[in-house]
N, C-alpha and C. Protein backbone atom coordinates (compact mmCIF):
# COMPACT_ATOMS: atom_id res chain seq x y z
N MET A 1 0.79 -1.08 -0.21
CA MET A 1 -0.08 0.07 0.00
C MET A 1 0.96 1.01 0.07
N ASN A 2 0.38 2.34 -0.54
CA ASN A 2 0.95 3.65 -0.49
C ASN A 2 0.92 4.37 0.82
N GLY A 3 1.33 4.02 1.98
CA GLY A 3 1.45 4.69 3.21
C GLY A 3 2.36 5.37 3.54
N PRO A 4 2.34 6.07 4.90
CA PRO A 4 3.44 7.04 5.44
C PRO A 4 4.61 6.30 5.57
N HIS A 5 4.60 4.77 5.78
CA HIS A 5 6.10 4.47 6.03
C HIS A 5 6.71 4.48 4.51
N ASP A 6 6.45 4.46 3.28
CA ASP A 6 6.99 4.44 2.27
C ASP A 6 7.45 5.73 1.63
N LEU A 7 8.65 6.14 2.55
CA LEU A 7 9.20 7.56 2.32
C LEU A 7 10.29 7.50 1.49
N GLY A 8 10.87 6.60 0.78
CA GLY A 8 12.36 6.39 -0.30
C GLY A 8 11.69 7.59 -1.33
N GLY A 9 12.77 8.40 -1.43
CA GLY A 9 12.76 9.70 -2.56
C GLY A 9 11.70 10.49 -2.06
N GLN A 10 11.17 10.61 -0.79
CA GLN A 10 10.19 11.69 -0.61
C GLN A 10 10.85 13.05 0.12
N MET A 11 10.60 14.26 -0.62
CA MET A 11 11.31 15.23 -0.02
C MET A 11 10.51 16.03 0.97
N GLY A 12 11.29 16.68 1.86
CA GLY A 12 10.81 17.60 2.60
C GLY A 12 10.79 17.10 4.20
N PHE A 13 11.42 16.08 4.19
CA PHE A 13 11.41 15.29 5.59
C PHE A 13 12.99 15.57 6.01
N GLY A 14 13.68 16.43 5.68
CA GLY A 14 15.00 16.65 6.19
C GLY A 14 16.08 15.49 6.13
N PRO A 15 17.32 15.67 6.08
CA PRO A 15 18.39 14.98 6.38
C PRO A 15 18.07 13.78 7.24
N VAL A 16 18.74 12.44 7.07
CA VAL A 16 18.88 11.34 7.89
C VAL A 16 20.15 11.87 8.76
N ALA A 17 19.88 11.90 9.89
CA ALA A 17 21.12 12.21 11.12
C ALA A 17 21.28 11.42 12.00
N PRO A 18 22.22 10.48 11.85
CA PRO A 18 22.28 9.51 13.12
C PRO A 18 22.62 10.07 14.52
N GLU A 19 22.12 9.81 15.27
CA GLU A 19 22.75 9.77 16.62
C GLU A 19 23.98 9.41 16.77
N LYS A 20 24.98 9.96 17.14
CA LYS A 20 26.23 9.77 17.61
C LYS A 20 26.28 8.72 18.90
N ASP A 21 26.67 7.56 19.09
CA ASP A 21 26.85 6.92 20.18
C ASP A 21 25.10 6.46 20.66
N GLU A 22 24.07 6.43 19.91
CA GLU A 22 22.89 6.08 20.14
C GLU A 22 22.55 4.95 20.98
N PRO A 23 21.72 5.09 22.15
CA PRO A 23 21.53 4.01 22.90
C PRO A 23 20.75 3.19 22.30
N VAL A 24 20.59 2.06 22.81
CA VAL A 24 19.59 1.13 22.20
C VAL A 24 18.21 1.64 22.42
N PHE A 25 17.86 1.86 23.48
CA PHE A 25 16.46 2.44 24.15
C PHE A 25 16.76 4.07 24.45
N HIS A 26 15.83 4.86 24.49
CA HIS A 26 15.99 6.22 24.68
C HIS A 26 15.19 6.44 26.21
N ALA A 27 14.38 5.40 26.36
CA ALA A 27 13.61 5.55 27.41
C ALA A 27 13.31 3.93 27.79
N ASP A 28 13.01 3.76 29.45
CA ASP A 28 12.24 2.37 29.52
C ASP A 28 11.16 1.91 29.00
N TRP A 29 10.26 2.94 28.65
CA TRP A 29 8.82 2.37 27.98
C TRP A 29 9.27 1.84 26.87
N GLU A 30 10.45 2.21 25.94
CA GLU A 30 10.64 1.33 25.02
C GLU A 30 10.91 0.05 24.99
N LYS A 31 11.78 0.02 26.08
CA LYS A 31 12.00 -1.65 26.42
C LYS A 31 10.64 -2.47 26.41
N ARG A 32 9.78 -1.70 27.26
CA ARG A 32 8.66 -2.66 27.46
C ARG A 32 7.67 -2.75 26.00
N ALA A 33 7.68 -1.95 25.04
CA ALA A 33 6.89 -1.96 23.98
C ALA A 33 7.75 -3.03 23.10
N LEU A 34 9.00 -3.10 23.33
CA LEU A 34 9.58 -4.35 22.33
C LEU A 34 9.09 -5.65 22.96
N GLY A 35 9.25 -5.58 24.29
CA GLY A 35 9.08 -6.75 24.85
C GLY A 35 7.48 -7.17 24.78
N LEU A 36 6.58 -6.24 24.87
CA LEU A 36 5.14 -6.59 24.61
C LEU A 36 5.07 -6.83 23.14
N THR A 37 5.47 -6.35 22.15
CA THR A 37 5.09 -6.64 20.70
C THR A 37 5.81 -8.21 20.39
N LEU A 38 6.95 -8.39 21.13
CA LEU A 38 7.57 -9.95 20.88
C LEU A 38 6.69 -10.61 21.54
N SER A 39 6.36 -10.37 22.91
CA SER A 39 5.30 -11.54 23.55
C SER A 39 4.13 -11.69 22.99
N CYS A 40 3.50 -10.65 22.35
CA CYS A 40 2.28 -11.02 21.81
C CYS A 40 2.57 -11.62 20.54
N GLY A 41 3.42 -11.24 20.06
CA GLY A 41 3.65 -12.07 18.68
C GLY A 41 3.67 -13.51 18.89
N ALA A 42 4.27 -14.08 19.84
CA ALA A 42 4.22 -15.25 20.19
C ALA A 42 2.80 -16.12 20.43
N PHE A 43 1.89 -15.13 20.40
CA PHE A 43 0.42 -15.62 20.77
C PHE A 43 0.06 -17.07 19.51
N GLY A 44 0.70 -16.33 18.37
CA GLY A 44 0.43 -17.07 17.27
C GLY A 44 -0.74 -16.93 16.44
N ALA A 45 -1.51 -15.63 16.89
CA ALA A 45 -2.59 -15.30 16.16
C ALA A 45 -2.35 -14.29 14.79
N TRP A 46 -1.08 -14.05 14.61
CA TRP A 46 -0.84 -13.06 13.50
C TRP A 46 0.80 -13.30 13.12
N ASN A 47 1.26 -12.99 11.79
CA ASN A 47 2.50 -13.06 11.37
C ASN A 47 3.16 -11.75 11.26
N ILE A 48 4.60 -11.71 11.02
CA ILE A 48 5.13 -10.48 11.11
C ILE A 48 4.60 -9.62 9.78
N ASP A 49 4.15 -10.45 8.87
CA ASP A 49 3.62 -9.64 7.54
C ASP A 49 2.37 -8.84 8.01
N GLU A 50 1.52 -9.28 8.62
CA GLU A 50 0.15 -8.89 9.25
C GLU A 50 0.62 -7.51 10.40
N SER A 51 1.55 -7.89 10.73
CA SER A 51 2.10 -6.91 12.10
C SER A 51 2.53 -5.70 11.16
N ARG A 52 3.47 -5.69 10.18
CA ARG A 52 3.96 -4.76 9.43
C ARG A 52 2.73 -3.86 8.42
N HIS A 53 1.89 -4.73 8.12
CA HIS A 53 0.71 -3.89 7.67
C HIS A 53 -0.20 -2.99 8.71
N ALA A 54 -0.53 -3.65 9.74
CA ALA A 54 -1.26 -2.99 10.98
C ALA A 54 -0.01 -1.60 11.30
N ARG A 55 1.17 -1.69 11.05
CA ARG A 55 1.68 -0.43 11.18
C ARG A 55 1.80 0.69 9.81
N GLU A 56 1.53 0.12 8.89
CA GLU A 56 1.40 0.70 7.56
C GLU A 56 -0.03 1.54 7.49
N SER A 57 -0.91 0.81 8.13
CA SER A 57 -1.90 1.27 8.16
C SER A 57 -2.55 2.35 9.07
N ILE A 58 -1.71 2.77 9.76
CA ILE A 58 -1.96 4.14 10.76
C ILE A 58 -2.19 5.27 9.88
N PRO A 59 -3.25 5.73 10.19
CA PRO A 59 -3.29 7.19 9.39
C PRO A 59 -2.07 7.99 9.34
N PRO A 60 -1.65 8.69 8.17
CA PRO A 60 -0.44 9.39 8.33
C PRO A 60 -0.20 10.51 9.13
N ALA A 61 -1.38 11.27 9.49
CA ALA A 61 -0.81 12.00 10.58
C ALA A 61 -0.35 11.83 11.74
N GLU A 62 -1.08 10.59 12.43
CA GLU A 62 -0.61 9.99 13.37
C GLU A 62 0.73 9.32 13.44
N TYR A 63 0.77 8.38 12.18
CA TYR A 63 2.02 7.92 11.79
C TYR A 63 3.42 8.76 11.73
N LEU A 64 3.07 9.82 11.34
CA LEU A 64 4.58 10.54 11.15
C LEU A 64 4.79 11.71 12.14
N SER A 65 3.71 11.62 13.18
CA SER A 65 4.01 12.44 14.45
C SER A 65 4.25 11.37 15.52
N ALA A 66 4.72 10.22 15.33
CA ALA A 66 4.63 9.31 16.21
C ALA A 66 6.29 8.82 16.11
N SER A 67 6.70 8.40 17.34
CA SER A 67 8.28 7.92 17.29
C SER A 67 7.94 6.31 16.96
N TYR A 68 9.50 5.77 16.93
CA TYR A 68 9.17 4.23 16.07
C TYR A 68 8.52 3.20 16.99
N TYR A 69 8.60 3.40 18.43
CA TYR A 69 8.02 2.50 19.26
C TYR A 69 6.57 2.80 19.57
N GLU A 70 6.12 4.17 19.42
CA GLU A 70 4.78 4.46 19.35
C GLU A 70 3.93 4.04 18.47
N ILE A 71 4.80 3.84 17.22
CA ILE A 71 4.09 3.18 15.99
C ILE A 71 3.88 1.68 16.52
N TRP A 72 4.92 0.99 16.88
CA TRP A 72 4.72 -0.33 17.10
C TRP A 72 3.54 -0.65 18.39
N ILE A 73 3.43 0.11 19.21
CA ILE A 73 2.29 -0.05 20.24
C ILE A 73 1.19 0.19 19.54
N ARG A 74 0.99 1.02 18.84
CA ARG A 74 -0.38 1.43 18.21
C ARG A 74 -0.58 0.22 17.52
N ALA A 75 0.21 -0.13 16.51
CA ALA A 75 -0.03 -1.04 15.82
C ALA A 75 -0.47 -2.70 16.62
N LEU A 76 0.34 -2.66 17.83
CA LEU A 76 -0.18 -3.63 18.84
C LEU A 76 -1.61 -3.69 19.06
N ASP A 77 -2.18 -2.78 19.48
CA ASP A 77 -3.32 -2.14 19.85
C ASP A 77 -4.33 -2.74 18.76
N THR A 78 -4.15 -2.45 17.52
CA THR A 78 -4.94 -2.76 16.43
C THR A 78 -4.99 -4.49 16.52
N LEU A 79 -3.93 -5.02 16.50
CA LEU A 79 -3.62 -6.50 16.29
C LEU A 79 -4.48 -7.33 17.49
N LEU A 80 -4.35 -6.46 18.70
CA LEU A 80 -4.93 -7.22 20.02
C LEU A 80 -6.78 -7.08 20.00
N GLU A 81 -6.86 -6.10 19.42
CA GLU A 81 -8.45 -5.82 19.51
C GLU A 81 -8.91 -6.63 18.18
N ARG A 82 -8.02 -6.64 16.77
CA ARG A 82 -8.56 -7.44 15.93
C ARG A 82 -8.73 -8.95 16.34
N HIS A 83 -8.04 -9.37 16.93
CA HIS A 83 -8.03 -10.89 16.92
C HIS A 83 -8.40 -11.57 18.53
N GLY A 84 -9.14 -10.46 19.08
CA GLY A 84 -9.90 -10.48 20.04
C GLY A 84 -9.27 -10.70 21.36
N PHE A 85 -8.29 -10.22 21.75
CA PHE A 85 -7.31 -10.42 23.01
C PHE A 85 -7.47 -9.10 23.76
N ALA A 86 -8.24 -8.22 23.33
CA ALA A 86 -8.47 -7.15 24.26
C ALA A 86 -9.73 -6.11 23.58
N THR A 87 -10.58 -5.12 24.29
CA THR A 87 -11.23 -4.47 23.39
C THR A 87 -10.53 -2.81 23.60
N ARG A 88 -11.23 -1.97 22.57
CA ARG A 88 -10.68 -0.70 22.66
C ARG A 88 -11.02 -0.11 24.35
N GLY A 89 -12.09 -0.48 24.92
CA GLY A 89 -12.15 0.03 26.08
C GLY A 89 -11.09 -0.39 27.13
N GLU A 90 -10.64 -1.62 26.97
CA GLU A 90 -9.65 -2.60 27.93
C GLU A 90 -8.18 -1.64 27.30
N LEU A 91 -8.06 -1.49 26.28
CA LEU A 91 -6.77 -0.81 25.84
C LEU A 91 -6.48 0.51 26.39
N ARG A 92 -7.37 1.28 26.33
CA ARG A 92 -7.43 2.89 26.97
C ARG A 92 -7.57 2.61 28.39
N SER A 93 -8.06 1.70 28.92
CA SER A 93 -8.16 2.01 30.73
C SER A 93 -6.92 1.11 31.14
N GLY A 94 -6.57 0.47 30.28
CA GLY A 94 -5.19 -0.60 30.97
C GLY A 94 -5.85 -1.51 31.75
N LYS A 95 -7.18 -1.84 31.69
CA LYS A 95 -7.67 -2.91 32.69
C LYS A 95 -8.47 -3.93 31.79
N SER A 96 -8.29 -5.36 32.38
CA SER A 96 -9.16 -6.33 31.63
C SER A 96 -10.57 -6.38 32.53
N LEU A 97 -11.53 -6.19 31.32
CA LEU A 97 -13.13 -5.95 31.65
C LEU A 97 -13.75 -7.41 31.19
N THR A 98 -13.17 -8.13 30.24
CA THR A 98 -14.16 -9.21 29.69
C THR A 98 -12.96 -10.20 29.60
N GLN A 99 -13.29 -11.51 29.17
CA GLN A 99 -12.56 -12.78 29.02
C GLN A 99 -12.31 -12.63 27.48
N GLY A 100 -11.02 -12.56 27.08
CA GLY A 100 -10.57 -12.26 25.77
C GLY A 100 -10.33 -13.61 25.15
N ALA A 101 -9.51 -13.56 23.80
CA ALA A 101 -9.33 -14.61 23.18
C ALA A 101 -8.07 -15.41 24.05
N VAL A 102 -7.94 -16.86 23.89
CA VAL A 102 -6.83 -17.56 24.95
C VAL A 102 -5.50 -17.55 23.69
N PRO A 103 -4.40 -16.97 24.09
CA PRO A 103 -3.20 -17.65 23.27
C PRO A 103 -2.80 -19.18 23.10
N MET A 104 -2.64 -19.41 21.69
CA MET A 104 -2.03 -20.54 21.51
C MET A 104 -0.91 -20.89 21.83
N ARG A 105 -0.11 -20.02 22.24
CA ARG A 105 1.32 -20.01 22.82
C ARG A 105 1.48 -18.97 23.92
N THR A 106 2.33 -19.11 24.80
CA THR A 106 2.63 -18.31 25.89
C THR A 106 4.25 -18.15 25.77
N LEU A 107 4.72 -17.02 25.49
CA LEU A 107 6.46 -16.53 25.69
C LEU A 107 6.56 -16.54 27.27
N LYS A 108 7.59 -17.45 27.63
CA LYS A 108 7.86 -17.51 29.16
C LYS A 108 9.15 -16.67 29.10
N ALA A 109 9.58 -16.32 30.16
CA ALA A 109 10.92 -15.74 30.32
C ALA A 109 12.00 -16.32 30.15
N GLU A 110 12.24 -17.65 30.65
CA GLU A 110 13.00 -18.34 30.33
C GLU A 110 13.33 -19.08 28.92
N MET A 111 12.27 -18.69 27.82
CA MET A 111 12.22 -19.13 26.79
C MET A 111 12.42 -17.91 25.48
N VAL A 112 12.94 -16.89 26.13
CA VAL A 112 13.11 -15.89 25.06
C VAL A 112 14.76 -15.82 24.52
N ALA A 113 15.47 -16.16 25.39
CA ALA A 113 16.77 -16.32 24.69
C ALA A 113 16.82 -17.10 23.74
N GLY A 114 16.11 -18.31 23.81
CA GLY A 114 16.16 -19.44 22.47
C GLY A 114 15.42 -19.15 21.63
N VAL A 115 13.82 -18.53 21.69
CA VAL A 115 13.38 -18.01 20.41
C VAL A 115 13.90 -17.12 19.88
N LEU A 116 14.67 -15.91 20.56
CA LEU A 116 15.15 -15.04 19.54
C LEU A 116 16.35 -15.16 18.76
N ALA A 117 16.90 -16.36 19.54
CA ALA A 117 18.22 -16.97 18.67
C ALA A 117 17.36 -17.75 17.37
N ARG A 118 16.63 -18.38 17.65
CA ARG A 118 15.86 -19.14 16.32
C ARG A 118 15.57 -18.36 15.33
N GLY A 119 15.07 -17.18 15.67
CA GLY A 119 14.58 -16.20 14.88
C GLY A 119 13.14 -16.62 14.33
N GLY A 120 12.89 -16.01 12.76
CA GLY A 120 11.73 -16.33 12.05
C GLY A 120 11.71 -16.67 10.65
N PRO A 121 12.66 -17.65 10.42
CA PRO A 121 13.29 -17.91 9.11
C PRO A 121 11.86 -17.71 8.10
N CYS A 122 11.79 -17.36 6.90
CA CYS A 122 10.94 -17.08 6.26
C CYS A 122 11.09 -17.85 4.55
N ASP A 123 12.55 -18.33 4.37
CA ASP A 123 12.69 -19.11 3.30
C ASP A 123 11.89 -20.34 3.20
N ARG A 124 11.02 -20.87 2.18
CA ARG A 124 10.65 -21.83 1.97
C ARG A 124 10.93 -22.50 0.34
N PRO A 125 11.09 -24.04 0.57
CA PRO A 125 11.30 -24.46 -1.00
C PRO A 125 10.28 -24.39 -2.14
N LEU A 126 10.70 -24.26 -2.96
CA LEU A 126 9.90 -24.10 -4.49
C LEU A 126 9.96 -25.37 -5.44
N HIS A 127 9.21 -26.01 -5.90
CA HIS A 127 9.56 -27.10 -6.75
C HIS A 127 9.37 -26.64 -8.40
N VAL A 128 9.35 -25.03 -8.39
CA VAL A 128 9.42 -24.59 -9.84
C VAL A 128 10.70 -23.64 -10.26
N GLU A 129 11.34 -23.85 -11.31
CA GLU A 129 12.31 -23.22 -11.28
C GLU A 129 12.13 -21.46 -11.39
N PRO A 130 12.90 -20.77 -11.08
CA PRO A 130 13.11 -19.03 -11.26
C PRO A 130 12.81 -18.78 -12.62
N LYS A 131 11.71 -17.68 -12.86
CA LYS A 131 11.51 -17.31 -14.15
C LYS A 131 12.53 -16.60 -14.69
N PHE A 132 13.39 -15.78 -13.74
CA PHE A 132 14.57 -14.73 -14.60
C PHE A 132 15.72 -15.45 -13.99
N ALA A 133 17.13 -15.08 -14.62
CA ALA A 133 18.13 -15.17 -14.31
C ALA A 133 19.26 -14.13 -14.00
N ALA A 134 20.29 -14.25 -13.36
CA ALA A 134 21.28 -13.20 -12.88
C ALA A 134 21.66 -12.60 -14.43
N GLY A 135 21.58 -11.40 -14.69
CA GLY A 135 21.92 -10.47 -15.97
C GLY A 135 20.85 -10.11 -16.76
N GLU A 136 19.50 -10.78 -16.60
CA GLU A 136 18.25 -10.03 -17.40
C GLU A 136 18.01 -8.97 -16.79
N ARG A 137 17.32 -8.04 -17.96
CA ARG A 137 16.67 -6.90 -17.88
C ARG A 137 15.40 -7.13 -17.57
N VAL A 138 14.85 -6.50 -16.59
CA VAL A 138 13.41 -6.52 -16.39
C VAL A 138 12.60 -5.28 -15.83
N ARG A 139 11.47 -4.95 -16.15
CA ARG A 139 11.03 -3.76 -15.62
C ARG A 139 9.93 -4.56 -14.38
N THR A 140 9.91 -3.55 -13.50
CA THR A 140 9.00 -3.81 -12.65
C THR A 140 7.54 -3.37 -12.44
N ARG A 141 6.43 -3.88 -11.94
CA ARG A 141 5.38 -3.59 -12.23
C ARG A 141 4.89 -2.34 -11.44
N ASN A 142 3.85 -1.63 -12.18
CA ASN A 142 3.29 -0.16 -11.97
C ASN A 142 2.13 -0.74 -11.09
N PHE A 143 1.68 -0.52 -9.90
CA PHE A 143 0.58 -1.17 -9.38
C PHE A 143 0.56 -0.86 -8.15
N HIS A 144 -0.60 -0.39 -7.64
CA HIS A 144 -0.86 0.15 -6.00
C HIS A 144 -2.03 -0.10 -5.27
N PRO A 145 -1.66 -1.38 -4.92
CA PRO A 145 -2.79 -2.19 -4.40
C PRO A 145 -3.09 -1.46 -2.91
N GLU A 146 -4.13 -1.55 -2.50
CA GLU A 146 -4.38 -1.06 -0.82
C GLU A 146 -4.11 -2.06 0.17
N THR A 147 -3.65 -2.97 -0.11
CA THR A 147 -3.01 -4.13 0.85
C THR A 147 -1.69 -4.14 0.89
N HIS A 148 -1.06 -4.90 1.69
CA HIS A 148 0.27 -4.86 2.00
C HIS A 148 1.24 -5.25 0.64
N MET A 149 2.28 -4.89 0.57
CA MET A 149 3.46 -5.00 -0.71
C MET A 149 4.51 -4.26 -0.24
N ARG A 150 5.63 -5.12 -0.65
CA ARG A 150 7.15 -4.91 -0.39
C ARG A 150 7.80 -4.28 -1.41
N LEU A 151 7.05 -3.56 -2.56
CA LEU A 151 7.92 -2.80 -3.63
C LEU A 151 7.81 -1.49 -3.33
N PRO A 152 8.72 -0.78 -3.32
CA PRO A 152 8.46 0.70 -2.80
C PRO A 152 8.06 1.46 -4.23
N ARG A 153 7.33 2.60 -3.68
CA ARG A 153 7.09 3.14 -4.67
C ARG A 153 7.82 3.71 -5.84
N TYR A 154 9.13 4.37 -5.46
CA TYR A 154 10.09 4.91 -6.26
C TYR A 154 10.76 3.76 -7.24
N ALA A 155 10.64 2.46 -7.03
CA ALA A 155 10.75 1.28 -7.72
C ALA A 155 9.93 0.56 -8.42
N ARG A 156 8.71 1.61 -8.70
CA ARG A 156 7.91 0.86 -9.41
C ARG A 156 7.81 1.41 -10.98
N ASP A 157 7.53 0.62 -12.20
CA ASP A 157 7.79 0.78 -13.26
C ASP A 157 9.13 1.31 -13.96
N LYS A 158 9.90 0.66 -13.44
CA LYS A 158 11.59 0.93 -13.34
C LYS A 158 12.23 -0.31 -14.15
N VAL A 159 13.10 -0.12 -15.01
CA VAL A 159 14.03 -1.18 -15.68
C VAL A 159 14.99 -1.49 -14.91
N GLY A 160 15.76 -2.45 -14.51
CA GLY A 160 16.69 -2.84 -13.74
C GLY A 160 17.37 -4.19 -14.55
N ARG A 161 18.29 -4.43 -13.69
CA ARG A 161 18.75 -5.89 -14.27
C ARG A 161 19.08 -6.68 -12.63
N ILE A 162 18.68 -8.24 -13.11
CA ILE A 162 18.68 -9.17 -11.98
C ILE A 162 20.22 -9.48 -11.82
N GLU A 163 20.56 -8.98 -10.31
CA GLU A 163 22.09 -9.32 -10.20
C GLU A 163 22.26 -10.38 -9.37
N ALA A 164 20.92 -11.23 -8.99
CA ALA A 164 21.23 -12.52 -8.04
C ALA A 164 19.84 -12.80 -7.67
N VAL A 165 19.81 -14.43 -7.90
CA VAL A 165 18.47 -15.03 -7.26
C VAL A 165 18.55 -15.47 -5.93
N GLN A 166 18.14 -15.09 -4.84
CA GLN A 166 18.40 -14.78 -3.73
C GLN A 166 17.51 -16.20 -3.32
N GLY A 167 16.72 -16.89 -3.80
CA GLY A 167 16.08 -18.03 -3.39
C GLY A 167 14.44 -17.81 -2.83
N SER A 168 13.77 -18.78 -2.51
CA SER A 168 12.27 -18.80 -2.41
C SER A 168 11.80 -18.51 -1.07
N PHE A 169 11.04 -17.13 -1.13
CA PHE A 169 10.52 -16.89 0.55
C PHE A 169 9.09 -16.53 0.08
N VAL A 170 8.60 -16.86 1.85
CA VAL A 170 7.00 -16.30 1.72
C VAL A 170 6.71 -15.02 1.02
N PHE A 171 5.40 -15.13 0.43
CA PHE A 171 5.25 -13.78 -0.15
C PHE A 171 4.33 -12.97 0.98
N PRO A 172 4.76 -11.97 0.97
CA PRO A 172 4.24 -11.16 2.09
C PRO A 172 3.04 -10.48 2.04
N ASP A 173 2.90 -10.35 0.58
CA ASP A 173 1.47 -9.52 0.17
C ASP A 173 0.40 -10.36 0.54
N ASP A 174 0.58 -11.92 0.30
CA ASP A 174 -0.46 -12.62 0.68
C ASP A 174 -0.66 -12.97 2.14
N ASN A 175 0.29 -13.22 2.79
CA ASN A 175 0.72 -13.80 4.35
C ASN A 175 -0.03 -12.63 4.84
N ALA A 176 0.13 -11.35 4.79
CA ALA A 176 -0.01 -10.49 5.78
C ALA A 176 -1.67 -10.16 5.98
N HIS A 177 -2.39 -11.18 4.88
CA HIS A 177 -3.89 -10.91 4.72
C HIS A 177 -4.27 -12.49 4.91
N GLY A 178 -3.88 -13.43 5.64
CA GLY A 178 -4.44 -14.78 5.88
C GLY A 178 -4.52 -15.73 4.59
N GLN A 179 -3.82 -15.16 3.75
CA GLN A 179 -4.07 -15.89 1.95
C GLN A 179 -3.07 -17.18 2.13
N GLY A 180 -2.16 -17.17 3.15
CA GLY A 180 -1.35 -18.44 3.00
C GLY A 180 0.10 -17.75 2.84
N GLU A 181 1.20 -18.64 2.84
CA GLU A 181 2.49 -18.40 2.61
C GLU A 181 2.77 -18.12 1.15
N ASN A 182 2.23 -18.76 0.12
CA ASN A 182 2.59 -18.95 -1.35
C ASN A 182 4.09 -18.33 -1.62
N PRO A 183 4.96 -19.05 -1.03
CA PRO A 183 6.43 -18.61 -1.59
C PRO A 183 6.68 -18.46 -2.94
N GLN A 184 7.37 -17.38 -3.29
CA GLN A 184 7.85 -16.85 -4.44
C GLN A 184 9.35 -17.07 -4.79
N TRP A 185 10.11 -16.95 -5.62
CA TRP A 185 11.16 -16.79 -5.83
C TRP A 185 11.50 -14.96 -5.60
N VAL A 186 12.73 -14.68 -5.11
CA VAL A 186 13.26 -13.43 -4.55
C VAL A 186 14.48 -13.11 -5.66
N TYR A 187 14.51 -12.02 -6.12
CA TYR A 187 15.75 -11.61 -7.01
C TYR A 187 16.26 -9.99 -6.55
N THR A 188 17.51 -10.14 -6.22
CA THR A 188 18.31 -8.59 -6.42
C THR A 188 18.27 -7.94 -7.66
N VAL A 189 17.30 -6.89 -7.69
CA VAL A 189 17.37 -6.19 -8.76
C VAL A 189 18.23 -4.57 -8.83
N VAL A 190 18.96 -4.59 -9.59
CA VAL A 190 19.76 -3.31 -9.55
C VAL A 190 19.39 -2.24 -10.84
N PHE A 191 19.23 -0.91 -10.30
CA PHE A 191 18.89 0.15 -11.15
C PHE A 191 19.76 1.22 -11.13
N GLU A 192 20.00 1.74 -12.41
CA GLU A 192 20.70 2.77 -12.56
C GLU A 192 20.16 4.15 -11.90
N ALA A 193 21.00 5.11 -11.38
CA ALA A 193 20.37 6.04 -10.58
C ALA A 193 19.39 6.72 -11.55
N ALA A 194 19.86 7.21 -12.49
CA ALA A 194 18.89 7.78 -13.69
C ALA A 194 17.65 7.16 -13.87
N GLU A 195 17.51 6.03 -13.77
CA GLU A 195 16.15 5.37 -14.11
C GLU A 195 15.43 5.64 -12.99
N ILE A 196 16.25 5.71 -11.73
CA ILE A 196 15.16 6.01 -10.41
C ILE A 196 15.05 7.29 -10.52
N TRP A 197 15.88 8.33 -10.39
CA TRP A 197 15.79 9.48 -9.93
C TRP A 197 16.00 10.52 -11.00
N GLY A 198 15.99 10.22 -12.29
CA GLY A 198 16.01 11.03 -13.27
C GLY A 198 17.27 12.16 -13.58
N ASP A 199 16.89 12.98 -14.25
CA ASP A 199 17.92 14.09 -14.57
C ASP A 199 18.30 14.94 -12.89
N GLY A 200 19.68 14.94 -13.05
CA GLY A 200 20.17 15.84 -11.87
C GLY A 200 20.68 14.62 -10.59
N CYS A 201 20.64 13.32 -11.16
CA CYS A 201 21.09 12.52 -10.19
C CYS A 201 22.66 12.33 -10.02
N ASP A 202 23.17 11.46 -9.20
CA ASP A 202 24.52 11.21 -9.25
C ASP A 202 24.82 10.19 -10.24
N PRO A 203 25.54 10.46 -11.29
CA PRO A 203 25.70 9.14 -12.34
C PRO A 203 26.32 7.91 -11.77
N THR A 204 27.04 7.87 -10.70
CA THR A 204 27.88 6.89 -10.17
C THR A 204 27.27 6.08 -9.09
N LEU A 205 26.16 6.39 -8.72
CA LEU A 205 25.14 5.52 -7.97
C LEU A 205 24.38 4.66 -8.45
N SER A 206 23.74 3.60 -7.88
CA SER A 206 22.60 2.71 -8.43
C SER A 206 22.16 2.45 -7.16
N VAL A 207 20.97 1.93 -7.29
CA VAL A 207 19.91 1.20 -6.32
C VAL A 207 19.42 -0.03 -6.49
N SER A 208 19.48 -1.00 -5.59
CA SER A 208 19.08 -2.28 -5.33
C SER A 208 18.41 -2.70 -4.54
N ILE A 209 17.17 -3.55 -4.96
CA ILE A 209 16.17 -3.84 -4.18
C ILE A 209 16.00 -5.30 -4.21
N ASP A 210 15.34 -5.64 -3.05
CA ASP A 210 14.98 -7.57 -3.35
C ASP A 210 13.52 -7.67 -3.61
N ALA A 211 13.35 -8.07 -4.89
CA ALA A 211 11.83 -8.00 -5.16
C ALA A 211 11.31 -9.61 -5.65
N TRP A 212 10.43 -9.82 -5.21
CA TRP A 212 9.57 -10.95 -5.39
C TRP A 212 8.99 -11.20 -6.87
N GLU A 213 8.99 -12.37 -7.19
CA GLU A 213 8.83 -12.66 -8.74
C GLU A 213 7.79 -12.49 -9.25
N SER A 214 6.50 -11.90 -8.58
CA SER A 214 5.55 -11.36 -9.49
C SER A 214 5.49 -9.80 -9.30
N TYR A 215 6.40 -9.43 -8.60
CA TYR A 215 6.56 -7.73 -8.99
C TYR A 215 7.37 -7.49 -10.55
N LEU A 216 7.86 -8.57 -11.19
CA LEU A 216 8.80 -8.42 -11.98
C LEU A 216 8.06 -8.82 -13.33
N GLU A 217 8.44 -7.96 -14.45
CA GLU A 217 8.18 -8.47 -15.92
C GLU A 217 9.31 -8.52 -17.09
N ARG A 218 9.29 -9.53 -17.82
CA ARG A 218 10.42 -9.62 -18.41
C ARG A 218 10.30 -8.52 -19.76
N MET A 219 11.55 -7.89 -19.98
CA MET A 219 11.80 -7.06 -21.01
C MET A 219 11.42 -7.57 -22.39
């Protein structure tokens, strides 16, 4: 979707200014926000792609005025309400008022290190050959669904070259909406700067993205 999260190439937001010696967390509540998000994700009610889409769906004015972990918490509220774990009134009051949904799994303190170490691999086997090969020229599709997608706006309807076939992975566009993992081949596609940014760009630069197969068309 074309949401406030997709800022690549957008003007008016100022430079990226990394904070020197930036701490992992700027406040104690951010630790809790991370912990809550991971703990609730372990319930087994939603996947990482639905979680990302919940963040993308925050209204632009709210999204752009919120800090990183505020965005996480607002999205978590949406997911908890959507899947029946809490009502809007409970989320606002901070008190349990009804019997909500029961988690399929509970993440306990002694399990955290092992769960984080395992991560959440999203590579999946495919029994069809890749449609494209390294060195081929391709064009990205020009489409703007209201649902989740991972092709950035600046890279749509652009001509690039396949640099590598990365493997087959869960297709997030479907997975975010409960339509199954439906894995696809993923390719690294490289674009010349002029193809992305047009006149006035730095001609020595290039841009690369990882793109699912259905995002690409043969030239």
